[in-house]
């Protein structure tokens, strides 16, 4: 198989992942403003002392 065929058959997908960050607001700004992603959901868990932003 030639390199050209291999390259044409490649697909790019981002799978769900979690990234711990020091500043959630700054991270959301980066992904939405600079990369054009949308904030889908944001919620906090007081019991777990964590805040989550779902971006896609």
Protein backbone atom coordinates (compact mmCIF):
# COMPACT_ATOMS: atom_id res chain seq x y z
CA UNK A 1 0.00 0.00 0.00
CA UNK A 2 1.37 3.40 -0.92
CA UNK A 3 1.83 6.28 1.52
CA UNK A 4 -0.78 8.31 -0.37
CA UNK A 5 -3.46 5.67 0.23
CA UNK A 6 -2.54 5.45 3.93
CA UNK A 7 -2.83 9.22 4.34
CA UNK A 8 -6.16 9.40 2.48
CA UNK A 9 -7.63 6.73 4.77
CA UNK A 10 -6.69 8.50 8.00
CA UNK A 11 -9.47 10.06 10.04
CA UNK A 12 -9.13 12.49 12.92
CA UNK A 13 -11.42 12.26 15.93
CA UNK A 14 -11.09 13.56 19.45
CA UNK A 15 -12.33 11.09 22.03
CA UNK A 16 -13.67 12.13 25.44
CA UNK A 17 -10.95 12.91 27.93
CA UNK A 18 -10.47 14.70 31.23
CA UNK A 19 -7.79 17.29 31.86
CA UNK A 20 -7.19 18.54 35.39
CA UNK A 21 -6.54 22.29 35.26
CA UNK A 22 -5.58 24.93 37.80
CA UNK A 23 -7.96 27.59 36.41
CA UNK A 24 -11.21 26.30 34.89
CA UNK A 25 -12.38 29.73 33.67
CA UNK A 26 -9.10 30.32 31.83
CA UNK A 27 -9.19 26.83 30.31
CA UNK A 28 -12.79 27.25 29.14
CA UNK A 29 -11.84 30.59 27.58
CA UNK A 30 -8.93 28.97 25.71
CA UNK A 31 -10.97 26.12 24.27
CA UNK A 32 -14.01 28.22 23.38
CA UNK A 33 -12.46 31.50 22.26
CA UNK A 34 -9.28 30.29 20.58
CA UNK A 35 -10.26 26.80 19.39
CA UNK A 36 -13.94 27.51 18.64
CA UNK A 37 -15.36 24.78 20.85
CA UNK A 38 -18.64 25.19 22.75
CA UNK A 39 -19.21 24.91 26.49
CA UNK A 40 -21.87 22.18 26.74
CA UNK A 41 -22.20 21.93 30.51
CA UNK A 42 -20.63 23.20 33.69
CA UNK A 43 -21.33 21.93 37.18
CA UNK A 44 -19.74 21.67 40.61
CA UNK A 45 -19.77 18.97 43.26
CA UNK A 46 -19.34 20.39 46.74
CA UNK A 47 -19.04 16.87 48.17
CA UNK A 48 -16.10 16.03 45.90
CA UNK A 49 -14.75 19.59 45.87
CA UNK A 50 -14.52 19.62 42.09
CA UNK A 51 -15.93 21.66 39.22
CA UNK A 52 -16.35 20.24 35.72
CA UNK A 53 -16.73 21.90 32.34
CA UNK A 54 -17.82 19.79 29.35
CA UNK A 55 -16.55 21.26 26.10
CA UNK A 56 -17.14 19.93 22.61
